[in-house]
Amino acid sequence: MDTLPEKKRGFSGLQVLGIVVGVMLLTVVVTIFSIKAWLFPHPFKPVVLDQKEQQKLEQKLNRFESFAALPEQNAQAAEPAKTPPPEKDFARNGRLNPQAYSEEGASREISFTEREINGMLAKNTDLARKVAIDLANDLISLRMLVPVDPDFPILGGKIIRAKAGAELAYRNSKPVVILKGVSLMGVPIPNAWLGGLKNIDLVQEFGGNEGLWKSFSEGVETIKVKDGQLYIKLKE
């Protein structure tokens, strides 16, 4: 005698209701957290260099004369000079000694790590919490938290997340600068809104005319951007 197959039991009405309510609650929670992260993003954590990294950075900065600190005028100065200038630069009365201009022995190489660049931003804590730079192979990326004017409609008083990326390299005996894109709140800005500059070599496009890009191109001997490293060598 054949037996009838057992009927598969489905979800009861109470179970379906429970699932629907659970999904709704999960959606509400995710939405709340998304809105909070979207409109009230946490500030970036400033990069703090360790002692060895700081010493190495100071050695690099000491090569640039403009970074030399002026001697203190009196003993009651608020803070001592962090990078004391060479004694030969100043007379006993504190005046700067005259010096004949010379490029002999001057280095035209500029090299910084990603941590050093962000560490320099951290000198201004407020800036370091709003700007962060990433170095990858032939790519420089920028993250920013941009406060909106309180009087601006809808987003007034909020903070906007912005990202931008540009290819930076040296090919065919000239620098290459290509804007890869800009995004606001995770939404890529259309190329038309960027003036059609996306994915265009700005040096090749505008370097033929007199101006910024031509001067920049003619003054650079090489550029290398690697994972966490930036190296630029200038021409004479």
Protein backbone atom coordinates (compact mmCIF):
# COMPACT_ATOMS: atom_id res chain seq x y z
CA MET A 1 0.00 0.00 0.00
CA ASP A 2 1.49 3.33 -1.10
CA THR A 3 2.05 5.95 1.56
CA LEU A 4 1.47 9.61 0.84
CA PRO A 5 4.66 11.76 1.09
CA GLU A 6 4.85 13.94 4.12
CA LYS A 7 4.03 17.57 3.45
CA LYS A 8 6.99 19.91 3.93
CA ARG A 9 6.40 22.23 6.75
CA GLY A 10 6.97 25.89 5.90
CA PHE A 11 7.48 28.85 8.16
CA SER A 12 4.60 29.73 10.36
CA GLY A 13 3.09 33.17 10.25
CA LEU A 14 4.77 34.04 13.55
CA GLN A 15 8.17 32.98 12.23
CA VAL A 16 7.74 35.03 9.07
CA LEU A 17 6.73 38.04 11.14
CA GLY A 18 9.79 37.55 13.35
CA ILE A 19 12.10 37.39 10.33
CA VAL A 20 10.58 40.53 8.82
CA VAL A 21 10.90 42.44 12.11
CA GLY A 22 14.49 41.24 12.52
CA VAL A 23 15.44 42.36 9.01
CA MET A 24 13.77 45.74 9.60
CA LEU A 25 15.65 46.25 12.87
CA LEU A 26 18.95 45.26 11.25
CA THR A 27 18.28 47.65 8.37
CA VAL A 28 17.51 50.50 10.78
CA VAL A 29 20.69 49.86 12.79
CA VAL A 30 22.87 49.67 9.67
CA THR A 31 21.25 52.83 8.29
CA ILE A 32 21.83 54.75 11.53
CA PHE A 33 25.49 53.74 11.67
CA SER A 34 25.92 54.54 7.96
CA ILE A 35 24.41 58.00 8.35
CA LYS A 36 26.54 58.65 11.41
CA ALA A 37 29.71 57.58 9.58
CA TRP A 38 28.64 59.54 6.49
CA LEU A 39 27.77 62.83 8.17
CA PHE A 40 29.91 62.61 11.30
CA PRO A 41 33.14 60.83 10.29
CA HIS A 42 35.82 60.31 12.90
CA PRO A 43 38.95 62.44 12.46
CA PHE A 44 42.08 60.75 11.14
CA LYS A 45 44.67 59.59 13.62
CA PRO A 46 47.83 61.72 13.23
CA VAL A 47 51.00 59.81 12.36
CA VAL A 48 53.49 59.90 15.23
CA LEU A 49 57.08 59.16 14.25
CA ASP A 50 59.27 57.18 16.60
CA GLN A 51 62.59 58.62 17.75
CA LYS A 52 64.62 57.03 14.95
CA GLU A 53 62.17 58.18 12.26
CA GLN A 54 62.08 61.69 13.73
CA GLN A 55 65.87 61.96 13.74
CA LYS A 56 66.04 60.80 10.13
CA LEU A 57 63.38 63.34 9.12
CA GLU A 58 65.20 66.16 10.91
CA GLN A 59 68.40 65.24 9.07
CA LYS A 60 66.56 65.59 5.78
CA LEU A 61 64.95 68.88 6.76
CA ASN A 62 68.28 70.27 7.95
CA ARG A 63 69.43 70.14 4.34
CA PHE A 64 66.88 72.81 3.51
CA GLU A 65 68.20 76.10 4.81
CA SER A 66 64.70 77.56 5.04
CA PHE A 67 63.90 75.10 7.83
CA ALA A 68 66.68 76.39 10.08
CA ALA A 69 65.30 77.99 13.22
CA LEU A 70 66.31 81.49 14.21
CA PRO A 71 68.31 81.86 17.43
CA GLU A 72 66.40 82.92 20.51
CA GLN A 73 66.49 86.60 21.28
CA ASN A 74 66.21 86.12 25.02
CA ALA A 75 66.16 83.39 27.61
CA GLN A 76 62.42 83.85 28.17
CA ALA A 77 61.41 82.52 24.75
CA ALA A 78 58.39 80.25 24.90
CA GLU A 79 60.10 77.25 23.28
CA PRO A 80 63.73 76.51 22.40
CA ALA A 81 64.67 76.17 18.75
CA LYS A 82 64.09 72.59 17.71
CA THR A 83 66.62 72.77 14.85
CA PRO A 84 69.51 75.00 15.94
CA PRO A 85 71.20 76.70 12.97
CA PRO A 86 74.96 76.43 12.47
CA GLU A 87 76.86 78.94 14.61
CA LYS A 88 78.66 80.29 11.54
CA ASP A 89 75.33 81.59 10.18
CA PHE A 90 74.99 84.23 12.89
CA ALA A 91 77.24 86.85 14.41
CA ARG A 92 77.59 87.27 18.17
CA ASN A 93 75.02 90.04 18.13
CA GLY A 94 72.47 87.62 16.62
CA ARG A 95 72.53 89.12 13.14
CA LEU A 96 72.65 86.86 10.11
CA ASN A 97 76.07 86.78 8.47
CA PRO A 98 76.26 87.69 4.75
CA GLN A 99 77.26 84.88 2.42
CA ALA A 100 78.14 84.66 -1.27
CA TYR A 101 75.68 82.59 -3.28
CA SER A 102 76.92 79.23 -4.54
CA GLU A 103 75.32 76.01 -5.78
CA GLU A 104 78.49 73.98 -5.33
CA GLY A 105 77.76 70.80 -3.39
CA ALA A 106 74.03 71.56 -3.21
CA SER A 107 71.75 68.54 -3.44
CA ARG A 108 68.85 68.60 -5.86
CA GLU A 109 67.28 65.41 -4.54
CA ILE A 110 64.13 65.36 -2.41
CA SER A 111 63.13 62.11 -0.73
CA PHE A 112 60.44 61.46 1.87
CA THR A 113 58.57 58.42 3.12
CA GLU A 114 54.80 58.33 3.48
CA ARG A 115 55.14 58.34 7.26
CA GLU A 116 57.49 61.33 7.15
CA ILE A 117 55.05 63.34 5.02
CA ASN A 118 52.12 62.54 7.30
CA GLY A 119 54.38 63.10 10.30
CA MET A 120 55.10 66.64 9.06
CA LEU A 121 51.35 67.19 8.74
CA ALA A 122 51.05 66.04 12.35
CA LYS A 123 53.05 69.10 13.40
CA ASN A 124 49.70 70.79 12.91
CA THR A 125 47.43 68.40 14.80
CA ASP A 126 44.24 69.92 13.40
CA LEU A 127 45.49 69.49 9.82
CA ALA A 128 46.69 65.92 10.44
CA ARG A 129 43.21 64.98 11.64
CA LYS A 130 41.71 66.22 8.37
CA VAL A 131 44.31 65.26 5.75
CA ALA A 132 46.13 61.97 5.09
CA ILE A 133 48.43 61.09 2.18
CA ASP A 134 49.09 57.64 0.74
CA LEU A 135 51.97 56.71 -1.55
CA ALA A 136 51.69 53.67 -3.82
CA ASN A 137 53.38 52.69 -7.07
CA ASP A 138 53.10 55.76 -9.35
CA LEU A 139 50.08 56.92 -7.32
CA ILE A 140 49.54 59.64 -4.73
CA SER A 141 46.20 59.51 -2.91
CA LEU A 142 44.71 62.14 -0.66
CA ARG A 143 42.00 61.75 1.96
CA MET A 144 40.36 64.82 3.44
CA LEU A 145 37.65 65.72 5.91
CA VAL A 146 36.22 69.03 4.74
CA PRO A 147 34.01 71.00 7.16
CA VAL A 148 31.00 72.63 5.49
CA ASP A 149 30.03 76.20 6.29
CA PRO A 150 27.13 76.21 8.80
CA ASP A 151 25.08 78.45 6.48
CA PHE A 152 25.33 75.98 3.59
CA PRO A 153 21.96 74.30 2.77
CA ILE A 154 21.32 70.75 4.01
CA LEU A 155 24.96 69.84 4.77
CA GLY A 156 25.71 72.99 6.75
CA GLY A 157 27.91 72.28 9.76
CA LYS A 158 28.63 68.73 8.61
CA ILE A 159 31.93 67.21 7.52
CA ILE A 160 32.37 65.87 3.99
CA ARG A 161 34.70 62.99 3.18
CA ALA A 162 36.76 63.69 0.08
CA LYS A 163 39.26 61.51 -1.76
CA ALA A 164 41.50 62.22 -4.72
CA GLY A 165 44.16 60.30 -6.58
CA ALA A 166 46.79 61.24 -9.14
CA GLU A 167 49.34 59.23 -11.06
CA LEU A 168 52.80 60.72 -10.63
CA ALA A 169 55.68 59.23 -12.61
CA TYR A 170 58.49 59.98 -15.06
CA ARG A 171 58.33 58.53 -18.56
CA ASN A 172 59.82 59.44 -21.93
CA SER A 173 62.12 62.01 -20.33
CA LYS A 174 59.32 64.04 -18.77
CA PRO A 175 57.10 63.93 -15.68
CA VAL A 176 53.63 62.43 -15.89
CA VAL A 177 50.76 63.86 -13.83
CA ILE A 178 47.37 62.22 -14.40
CA LEU A 179 44.31 62.94 -12.26
CA LYS A 180 42.71 59.56 -11.57
CA GLY A 181 39.61 60.94 -9.92
CA VAL A 182 37.92 62.80 -7.08
CA SER A 183 35.11 61.50 -4.89
CA LEU A 184 32.87 63.11 -2.29
CA MET A 185 31.22 60.97 0.37
CA GLY A 186 32.26 57.90 -1.62
CA VAL A 187 30.59 59.12 -4.83
CA PRO A 188 32.99 59.65 -7.78
CA ILE A 189 32.70 63.10 -9.34
CA PRO A 190 31.81 62.97 -13.07
CA ASN A 191 34.65 63.81 -15.42
CA ALA A 192 32.57 66.65 -16.90
CA TRP A 193 32.41 68.30 -13.48
CA LEU A 194 36.19 68.08 -13.26
CA GLY A 195 36.57 70.00 -16.48
CA GLY A 196 37.36 66.86 -18.47
CA LEU A 197 40.74 66.56 -16.72
CA LYS A 198 40.29 62.99 -15.49
CA ASN A 199 42.74 60.42 -16.91
CA ILE A 200 44.55 63.09 -18.92
CA ASP A 201 48.30 63.69 -18.64
CA LEU A 202 48.27 67.31 -17.51
CA VAL A 203 51.92 67.84 -18.43
CA GLN A 204 51.40 66.54 -21.96
CA GLU A 205 48.12 68.42 -22.34
CA PHE A 206 49.26 71.79 -21.03
CA GLY A 207 53.07 71.55 -21.00
CA GLY A 208 53.36 72.80 -24.58
CA ASN A 209 52.25 76.28 -23.58
CA GLU A 210 54.05 78.76 -21.39
CA GLY A 211 52.93 78.42 -17.81
CA LEU A 212 52.97 76.25 -14.72
CA TRP A 213 53.04 72.79 -16.31
CA LYS A 214 55.79 73.63 -18.81
CA SER A 215 57.95 75.17 -16.09
CA PHE A 216 57.32 72.19 -13.82
CA SER A 217 58.21 69.70 -16.55
CA GLU A 218 61.41 71.47 -17.53
CA GLY A 219 62.62 71.66 -13.94
CA VAL A 220 62.25 67.97 -13.03
CA GLU A 221 64.89 65.37 -13.90
CA THR A 222 63.09 62.37 -12.44
CA ILE A 223 60.17 61.39 -10.20
CA LYS A 224 59.65 58.06 -8.50
CA VAL A 225 56.66 57.13 -6.37
CA LYS A 226 56.79 53.68 -4.83
CA ASP A 227 54.92 52.02 -2.01
CA GLY A 228 55.49 54.42 0.87
CA GLN A 229 58.27 56.39 -0.86
CA LEU A 230 58.54 59.66 -2.82
CA TYR A 231 61.72 60.67 -4.68
CA ILE A 232 62.19 63.78 -6.83
CA LYS A 233 65.37 65.01 -8.48
CA LEU A 234 65.48 68.53 -9.88
CA LYS A 235 67.46 69.77 -12.87
CA GLU A 236 70.14 72.43 -12.67
